[in-house]
Amino acid sequence: MAWSESVDTLLANKDGLAAFRTFLKSEFSEENVEFWLACEDFKKTKSSTKITSKAQKIYSDFIEADAPKEINIDFHTKTHISQNISEPTLSCFDDAQRSIYSLMAKDSFPRFLRSEMYKELVKKQQHGNQKRWLPFL
C-alpha cells in the first residue's frame, strides 16, 4: 500500500486517512489527526471573520486547558497560542501543528503500520488484487 511510504501519503489518501483515524480512535488519540486536519482547513480560510471564529473553535476544542480534545503540546507553544488567540493569523497554530505532525510521524504512524488493523487491510488489498488477475479465486 502506498500509505506506508510516509505520513504525508497516508494523510493525503481518503482511505488511508480513514483507516488511520480508526486506528487512532482505538488508541484514544484521534484528537491528533483531528487537530492536524482542522489546522489544514484553517490555513485555507480567506475571510477575516471566519479566521477569528475558526481559530477560536480550534483553540476551544484542542488547545485550552481541559479542552474536550486537548492535544499534548509543550507549555511554550500553548502559552504563545493563548496570548495571540485574540488576534489570530493563518499561521497561529503552525508550531502546534508541526509538533503534532511530528508526534504522529514518529509514534502513531509506525504503530499503525505494525498494527493488526493495517496488516488486515494489506491482506484484503492483496486478496482483492489477486481476484482481479485470477477471477477463479
N, C-alpha and C. Protein backbone atom coordinates (compact mmCIF):
# COMPACT_ATOMS: atom_id res chain seq x y z
N MET A 1 0.84 -1.18 0.00
CA MET A 1 0.00 0.00 0.00
C MET A 1 0.88 1.24 0.00
N ALA A 2 0.49 2.20 -0.78
CA ALA A 2 1.26 3.45 -0.87
C ALA A 2 1.28 4.20 0.46
N TRP A 3 0.26 3.96 1.31
CA TRP A 3 0.18 4.67 2.59
C TRP A 3 1.41 4.46 3.44
N SER A 4 2.06 3.33 3.30
CA SER A 4 3.18 3.01 4.19
C SER A 4 4.43 3.84 3.87
N GLU A 5 4.41 4.56 2.75
CA GLU A 5 5.58 5.35 2.34
C GLU A 5 5.87 6.49 3.30
N SER A 6 4.82 7.21 3.72
CA SER A 6 5.02 8.36 4.61
C SER A 6 3.69 8.79 5.21
N VAL A 7 3.78 9.57 6.27
CA VAL A 7 2.58 10.14 6.88
C VAL A 7 1.88 11.04 5.88
N ASP A 8 2.64 11.79 5.09
CA ASP A 8 2.04 12.68 4.08
C ASP A 8 1.17 11.90 3.10
N THR A 9 1.69 10.77 2.62
CA THR A 9 0.94 9.93 1.68
C THR A 9 -0.33 9.42 2.34
N LEU A 10 -0.20 8.99 3.57
CA LEU A 10 -1.34 8.48 4.32
C LEU A 10 -2.41 9.56 4.50
N LEU A 11 -2.00 10.74 4.94
CA LEU A 11 -2.95 11.82 5.21
C LEU A 11 -3.60 12.37 3.94
N ALA A 12 -2.93 12.21 2.80
CA ALA A 12 -3.47 12.70 1.53
C ALA A 12 -4.42 11.71 0.87
N ASN A 13 -4.48 10.49 1.38
CA ASN A 13 -5.31 9.45 0.79
C ASN A 13 -6.57 9.28 1.63
N LYS A 14 -7.73 9.40 0.99
CA LYS A 14 -9.01 9.35 1.71
C LYS A 14 -9.15 8.05 2.51
N ASP A 15 -8.86 6.92 1.87
CA ASP A 15 -9.00 5.63 2.55
C ASP A 15 -7.93 5.45 3.63
N GLY A 16 -6.72 5.89 3.32
CA GLY A 16 -5.64 5.80 4.30
C GLY A 16 -5.94 6.64 5.53
N LEU A 17 -6.44 7.84 5.30
CA LEU A 17 -6.79 8.73 6.41
C LEU A 17 -7.89 8.11 7.26
N ALA A 18 -8.90 7.53 6.61
CA ALA A 18 -10.00 6.89 7.35
C ALA A 18 -9.48 5.74 8.21
N ALA A 19 -8.59 4.93 7.66
CA ALA A 19 -8.03 3.80 8.41
C ALA A 19 -7.18 4.31 9.58
N PHE A 20 -6.39 5.34 9.33
CA PHE A 20 -5.53 5.90 10.38
C PHE A 20 -6.38 6.49 11.50
N ARG A 21 -7.45 7.17 11.14
CA ARG A 21 -8.35 7.75 12.15
C ARG A 21 -8.98 6.66 13.01
N THR A 22 -9.39 5.57 12.36
CA THR A 22 -9.97 4.45 13.10
C THR A 22 -8.94 3.86 14.07
N PHE A 23 -7.71 3.72 13.59
CA PHE A 23 -6.63 3.22 14.45
C PHE A 23 -6.41 4.15 15.63
N LEU A 24 -6.31 5.46 15.36
CA LEU A 24 -6.07 6.42 16.44
C LEU A 24 -7.22 6.42 17.44
N LYS A 25 -8.44 6.26 16.93
CA LYS A 25 -9.61 6.20 17.81
C LYS A 25 -9.48 4.99 18.75
N SER A 26 -9.01 3.86 18.22
CA SER A 26 -8.84 2.66 19.05
C SER A 26 -7.78 2.87 20.12
N GLU A 27 -6.88 3.81 19.90
CA GLU A 27 -5.83 4.13 20.86
C GLU A 27 -6.16 5.38 21.69
N PHE A 28 -7.35 5.91 21.51
CA PHE A 28 -7.79 7.11 22.22
C PHE A 28 -6.87 8.30 21.96
N SER A 29 -6.43 8.44 20.71
CA SER A 29 -5.58 9.60 20.37
C SER A 29 -5.99 10.23 19.04
N GLU A 30 -7.26 10.10 18.69
CA GLU A 30 -7.72 10.66 17.41
C GLU A 30 -7.69 12.17 17.39
N GLU A 31 -7.57 12.80 18.57
CA GLU A 31 -7.51 14.27 18.60
C GLU A 31 -6.31 14.79 17.81
N ASN A 32 -5.25 14.01 17.71
CA ASN A 32 -4.07 14.47 16.99
C ASN A 32 -4.37 14.68 15.50
N VAL A 33 -4.94 13.68 14.86
CA VAL A 33 -5.24 13.82 13.43
C VAL A 33 -6.38 14.82 13.23
N GLU A 34 -7.32 14.88 14.15
CA GLU A 34 -8.41 15.86 14.03
C GLU A 34 -7.87 17.28 14.12
N PHE A 35 -6.93 17.51 15.03
CA PHE A 35 -6.30 18.83 15.14
C PHE A 35 -5.54 19.16 13.87
N TRP A 36 -4.76 18.21 13.37
CA TRP A 36 -3.97 18.44 12.16
C TRP A 36 -4.89 18.80 10.98
N LEU A 37 -6.00 18.07 10.84
CA LEU A 37 -6.96 18.35 9.76
C LEU A 37 -7.62 19.71 9.96
N ALA A 38 -7.97 20.05 11.19
CA ALA A 38 -8.58 21.36 11.47
C ALA A 38 -7.62 22.48 11.09
N CYS A 39 -6.34 22.29 11.37
CA CYS A 39 -5.33 23.30 11.01
C CYS A 39 -5.19 23.42 9.50
N GLU A 40 -5.21 22.30 8.80
CA GLU A 40 -5.12 22.33 7.34
C GLU A 40 -6.30 23.10 6.75
N ASP A 41 -7.49 22.85 7.27
CA ASP A 41 -8.68 23.57 6.82
C ASP A 41 -8.57 25.06 7.18
N PHE A 42 -8.12 25.34 8.38
CA PHE A 42 -7.98 26.72 8.85
C PHE A 42 -7.06 27.53 7.95
N LYS A 43 -5.95 26.96 7.52
CA LYS A 43 -4.97 27.68 6.70
C LYS A 43 -5.52 28.05 5.31
N LYS A 44 -6.62 27.43 4.91
CA LYS A 44 -7.24 27.75 3.61
C LYS A 44 -8.30 28.85 3.74
N THR A 45 -8.55 29.32 4.94
CA THR A 45 -9.59 30.31 5.20
C THR A 45 -9.23 31.66 4.58
N LYS A 46 -10.18 32.25 3.89
CA LYS A 46 -9.96 33.54 3.22
C LYS A 46 -10.57 34.72 3.99
N SER A 47 -11.74 34.52 4.56
CA SER A 47 -12.47 35.60 5.24
C SER A 47 -11.89 35.87 6.63
N SER A 48 -11.64 37.15 6.92
CA SER A 48 -11.06 37.51 8.22
C SER A 48 -12.00 37.18 9.38
N THR A 49 -13.30 37.30 9.16
CA THR A 49 -14.23 36.95 10.24
C THR A 49 -14.23 35.44 10.49
N LYS A 50 -14.09 34.67 9.41
CA LYS A 50 -14.03 33.22 9.58
C LYS A 50 -12.71 32.79 10.22
N ILE A 51 -11.64 33.53 9.95
CA ILE A 51 -10.35 33.22 10.58
C ILE A 51 -10.51 33.28 12.09
N THR A 52 -11.13 34.35 12.57
CA THR A 52 -11.32 34.52 14.01
C THR A 52 -12.19 33.42 14.59
N SER A 53 -13.32 33.13 13.97
CA SER A 53 -14.23 32.12 14.53
C SER A 53 -13.62 30.71 14.45
N LYS A 54 -12.95 30.40 13.34
CA LYS A 54 -12.32 29.07 13.23
C LYS A 54 -11.17 28.92 14.23
N ALA A 55 -10.40 29.99 14.41
CA ALA A 55 -9.29 29.95 15.37
C ALA A 55 -9.82 29.72 16.78
N GLN A 56 -10.89 30.42 17.13
CA GLN A 56 -11.50 30.25 18.45
C GLN A 56 -11.99 28.81 18.65
N LYS A 57 -12.58 28.25 17.60
CA LYS A 57 -13.08 26.87 17.67
C LYS A 57 -11.93 25.89 17.87
N ILE A 58 -10.86 26.04 17.10
CA ILE A 58 -9.69 25.16 17.26
C ILE A 58 -9.12 25.31 18.67
N TYR A 59 -9.03 26.55 19.12
CA TYR A 59 -8.48 26.82 20.45
C TYR A 59 -9.33 26.14 21.53
N SER A 60 -10.64 26.33 21.46
CA SER A 60 -11.51 25.76 22.50
C SER A 60 -11.62 24.24 22.41
N ASP A 61 -11.50 23.69 21.21
CA ASP A 61 -11.58 22.23 21.05
C ASP A 61 -10.29 21.51 21.41
N PHE A 62 -9.13 22.12 21.11
CA PHE A 62 -7.87 21.39 21.19
C PHE A 62 -6.78 21.99 22.09
N ILE A 63 -6.80 23.29 22.33
CA ILE A 63 -5.65 23.94 22.97
C ILE A 63 -5.88 24.29 24.44
N GLU A 64 -6.99 24.96 24.74
CA GLU A 64 -7.16 25.46 26.10
C GLU A 64 -7.20 24.32 27.11
N ALA A 65 -6.87 24.66 28.36
CA ALA A 65 -6.88 23.67 29.43
C ALA A 65 -8.25 23.01 29.52
N ASP A 66 -8.25 21.70 29.65
CA ASP A 66 -9.47 20.90 29.75
C ASP A 66 -10.34 20.96 28.49
N ALA A 67 -9.74 21.27 27.35
CA ALA A 67 -10.48 21.23 26.08
C ALA A 67 -10.97 19.80 25.85
N PRO A 68 -12.12 19.62 25.20
CA PRO A 68 -12.66 18.27 25.01
C PRO A 68 -11.72 17.33 24.24
N LYS A 69 -10.90 17.89 23.36
CA LYS A 69 -9.97 17.08 22.57
C LYS A 69 -8.55 17.61 22.75
N GLU A 70 -8.21 17.96 23.97
CA GLU A 70 -6.93 18.62 24.25
C GLU A 70 -5.75 17.82 23.72
N ILE A 71 -4.91 18.50 22.94
CA ILE A 71 -3.71 17.86 22.39
C ILE A 71 -2.55 18.07 23.35
N ASN A 72 -1.55 17.23 23.22
CA ASN A 72 -0.39 17.29 24.09
C ASN A 72 0.72 18.09 23.41
N ILE A 73 0.78 19.38 23.75
CA ILE A 73 1.84 20.24 23.21
C ILE A 73 2.59 20.88 24.37
N ASP A 74 3.79 21.37 24.09
CA ASP A 74 4.61 21.94 25.15
C ASP A 74 4.03 23.25 25.67
N PHE A 75 4.42 23.59 26.88
CA PHE A 75 3.92 24.77 27.59
C PHE A 75 4.16 26.05 26.79
N HIS A 76 5.36 26.21 26.24
CA HIS A 76 5.71 27.42 25.49
C HIS A 76 4.78 27.62 24.29
N THR A 77 4.54 26.56 23.54
CA THR A 77 3.66 26.64 22.35
C THR A 77 2.24 26.99 22.77
N LYS A 78 1.76 26.31 23.80
CA LYS A 78 0.40 26.55 24.29
C LYS A 78 0.25 28.00 24.78
N THR A 79 1.23 28.49 25.51
CA THR A 79 1.20 29.86 26.03
C THR A 79 1.22 30.87 24.89
N HIS A 80 2.06 30.64 23.91
CA HIS A 80 2.16 31.54 22.75
C HIS A 80 0.81 31.63 22.02
N ILE A 81 0.17 30.49 21.81
CA ILE A 81 -1.14 30.50 21.14
C ILE A 81 -2.15 31.24 22.01
N SER A 82 -2.17 30.95 23.29
CA SER A 82 -3.13 31.59 24.21
C SER A 82 -2.98 33.11 24.22
N GLN A 83 -1.75 33.58 24.16
CA GLN A 83 -1.50 35.03 24.18
C GLN A 83 -1.91 35.72 22.88
N ASN A 84 -1.96 34.96 21.78
CA ASN A 84 -2.23 35.57 20.48
C ASN A 84 -3.58 35.20 19.87
N ILE A 85 -4.39 34.43 20.59
CA ILE A 85 -5.64 33.93 20.01
C ILE A 85 -6.66 35.05 19.78
N SER A 86 -6.54 36.15 20.48
CA SER A 86 -7.50 37.25 20.29
C SER A 86 -7.33 37.93 18.93
N GLU A 87 -6.14 37.83 18.35
CA GLU A 87 -5.88 38.36 17.01
C GLU A 87 -5.16 37.28 16.19
N PRO A 88 -5.90 36.23 15.81
CA PRO A 88 -5.26 35.09 15.16
C PRO A 88 -4.80 35.39 13.73
N THR A 89 -3.76 34.71 13.33
CA THR A 89 -3.28 34.75 11.94
C THR A 89 -3.39 33.33 11.39
N LEU A 90 -3.24 33.20 10.08
CA LEU A 90 -3.32 31.87 9.48
C LEU A 90 -2.19 30.95 9.92
N SER A 91 -1.15 31.53 10.50
CA SER A 91 -0.02 30.71 10.96
C SER A 91 0.00 30.52 12.48
N CYS A 92 -1.04 30.93 13.17
CA CYS A 92 -1.01 30.91 14.64
C CYS A 92 -0.92 29.50 15.24
N PHE A 93 -1.30 28.48 14.50
CA PHE A 93 -1.23 27.12 15.02
C PHE A 93 -0.08 26.32 14.41
N ASP A 94 0.76 26.96 13.61
CA ASP A 94 1.81 26.24 12.88
C ASP A 94 2.75 25.44 13.79
N ASP A 95 3.22 26.04 14.87
CA ASP A 95 4.14 25.33 15.77
C ASP A 95 3.46 24.11 16.39
N ALA A 96 2.24 24.29 16.83
CA ALA A 96 1.49 23.18 17.43
C ALA A 96 1.22 22.10 16.38
N GLN A 97 0.87 22.52 15.17
CA GLN A 97 0.60 21.55 14.11
C GLN A 97 1.86 20.76 13.77
N ARG A 98 3.00 21.45 13.70
CA ARG A 98 4.27 20.75 13.44
C ARG A 98 4.58 19.74 14.54
N SER A 99 4.34 20.14 15.77
CA SER A 99 4.59 19.26 16.90
C SER A 99 3.71 18.01 16.84
N ILE A 100 2.44 18.18 16.54
CA ILE A 100 1.51 17.06 16.45
C ILE A 100 1.84 16.19 15.23
N TYR A 101 2.21 16.81 14.12
CA TYR A 101 2.61 16.05 12.94
C TYR A 101 3.83 15.17 13.28
N SER A 102 4.79 15.76 13.96
CA SER A 102 6.00 15.02 14.35
C SER A 102 5.65 13.85 15.26
N LEU A 103 4.75 14.09 16.19
CA LEU A 103 4.30 13.02 17.09
C LEU A 103 3.65 11.89 16.29
N MET A 104 2.79 12.24 15.34
CA MET A 104 2.14 11.21 14.53
C MET A 104 3.17 10.46 13.68
N ALA A 105 4.10 11.20 13.08
CA ALA A 105 5.09 10.59 12.19
C ALA A 105 6.04 9.66 12.94
N LYS A 106 6.44 10.06 14.14
CA LYS A 106 7.44 9.28 14.88
C LYS A 106 6.83 8.22 15.79
N ASP A 107 5.57 8.39 16.16
CA ASP A 107 4.96 7.49 17.14
C ASP A 107 3.74 6.75 16.59
N SER A 108 2.69 7.47 16.26
CA SER A 108 1.43 6.84 15.85
C SER A 108 1.55 6.10 14.52
N PHE A 109 2.20 6.72 13.54
CA PHE A 109 2.31 6.12 12.21
C PHE A 109 3.06 4.78 12.24
N PRO A 110 4.23 4.69 12.88
CA PRO A 110 4.90 3.39 12.94
C PRO A 110 4.06 2.33 13.67
N ARG A 111 3.36 2.73 14.73
CA ARG A 111 2.48 1.77 15.43
C ARG A 111 1.34 1.32 14.53
N PHE A 112 0.80 2.25 13.74
CA PHE A 112 -0.26 1.91 12.79
C PHE A 112 0.24 0.87 11.80
N LEU A 113 1.44 1.06 11.27
CA LEU A 113 1.99 0.12 10.28
C LEU A 113 2.25 -1.26 10.89
N ARG A 114 2.44 -1.33 12.19
CA ARG A 114 2.66 -2.62 12.87
C ARG A 114 1.36 -3.22 13.39
N SER A 115 0.27 -2.48 13.30
CA SER A 115 -0.99 -2.92 13.91
C SER A 115 -1.65 -4.04 13.11
N GLU A 116 -2.47 -4.81 13.81
CA GLU A 116 -3.25 -5.87 13.16
C GLU A 116 -4.21 -5.25 12.14
N MET A 117 -4.75 -4.08 12.46
CA MET A 117 -5.67 -3.41 11.55
C MET A 117 -5.01 -3.17 10.20
N TYR A 118 -3.81 -2.64 10.21
CA TYR A 118 -3.09 -2.37 8.97
C TYR A 118 -2.77 -3.67 8.24
N LYS A 119 -2.32 -4.67 8.98
CA LYS A 119 -1.99 -5.97 8.37
C LYS A 119 -3.21 -6.58 7.68
N GLU A 120 -4.37 -6.44 8.32
CA GLU A 120 -5.61 -6.95 7.71
C GLU A 120 -5.96 -6.17 6.44
N LEU A 121 -5.77 -4.87 6.45
CA LEU A 121 -6.03 -4.06 5.26
C LEU A 121 -5.12 -4.47 4.11
N VAL A 122 -3.86 -4.73 4.41
CA VAL A 122 -2.90 -5.17 3.38
C VAL A 122 -3.34 -6.51 2.82
N LYS A 123 -3.74 -7.43 3.70
CA LYS A 123 -4.20 -8.76 3.24
C LYS A 123 -5.41 -8.62 2.32
N LYS A 124 -6.37 -7.79 2.74
CA LYS A 124 -7.58 -7.60 1.92
C LYS A 124 -7.23 -7.01 0.56
N GLN A 125 -6.32 -6.03 0.56
CA GLN A 125 -5.94 -5.42 -0.71
C GLN A 125 -5.23 -6.44 -1.60
N GLN A 126 -4.33 -7.21 -1.04
CA GLN A 126 -3.61 -8.22 -1.82
C GLN A 126 -4.57 -9.25 -2.36
N HIS A 127 -5.53 -9.66 -1.54
CA HIS A 127 -6.52 -10.63 -1.98
C HIS A 127 -7.39 -10.04 -3.09
N GLY A 128 -7.75 -8.76 -2.94
CA GLY A 128 -8.53 -8.07 -3.98
C GLY A 128 -7.78 -7.99 -5.29
N ASN A 129 -6.47 -7.71 -5.23
CA ASN A 129 -5.65 -7.66 -6.45
C ASN A 129 -5.55 -9.02 -7.10
N GLN A 130 -5.45 -10.08 -6.31
CA GLN A 130 -5.39 -11.43 -6.86
C GLN A 130 -6.68 -11.76 -7.59
N LYS A 131 -7.80 -11.36 -7.02
CA LYS A 131 -9.09 -11.64 -7.65
C LYS A 131 -9.20 -10.98 -9.01
N ARG A 132 -8.63 -9.78 -9.14
CA ARG A 132 -8.69 -9.10 -10.43
C ARG A 132 -7.92 -9.87 -11.49
N TRP A 133 -6.81 -10.43 -11.08
CA TRP A 133 -5.96 -11.15 -12.04
C TRP A 133 -6.34 -12.63 -12.14
N LEU A 134 -6.90 -13.17 -11.07
CA LEU A 134 -7.28 -14.58 -11.05
C LEU A 134 -8.75 -14.69 -10.66
N PRO A 135 -9.65 -14.49 -11.61
CA PRO A 135 -11.07 -14.42 -11.29
C PRO A 135 -11.63 -15.70 -10.68
N PHE A 136 -10.92 -16.80 -10.77
CA PHE A 136 -11.42 -18.05 -10.22
C PHE A 136 -11.19 -18.16 -8.70
N LEU A 137 -10.46 -17.20 -8.11
CA LEU A 137 -10.23 -17.23 -6.66
C LEU A 137 -11.46 -16.78 -5.91
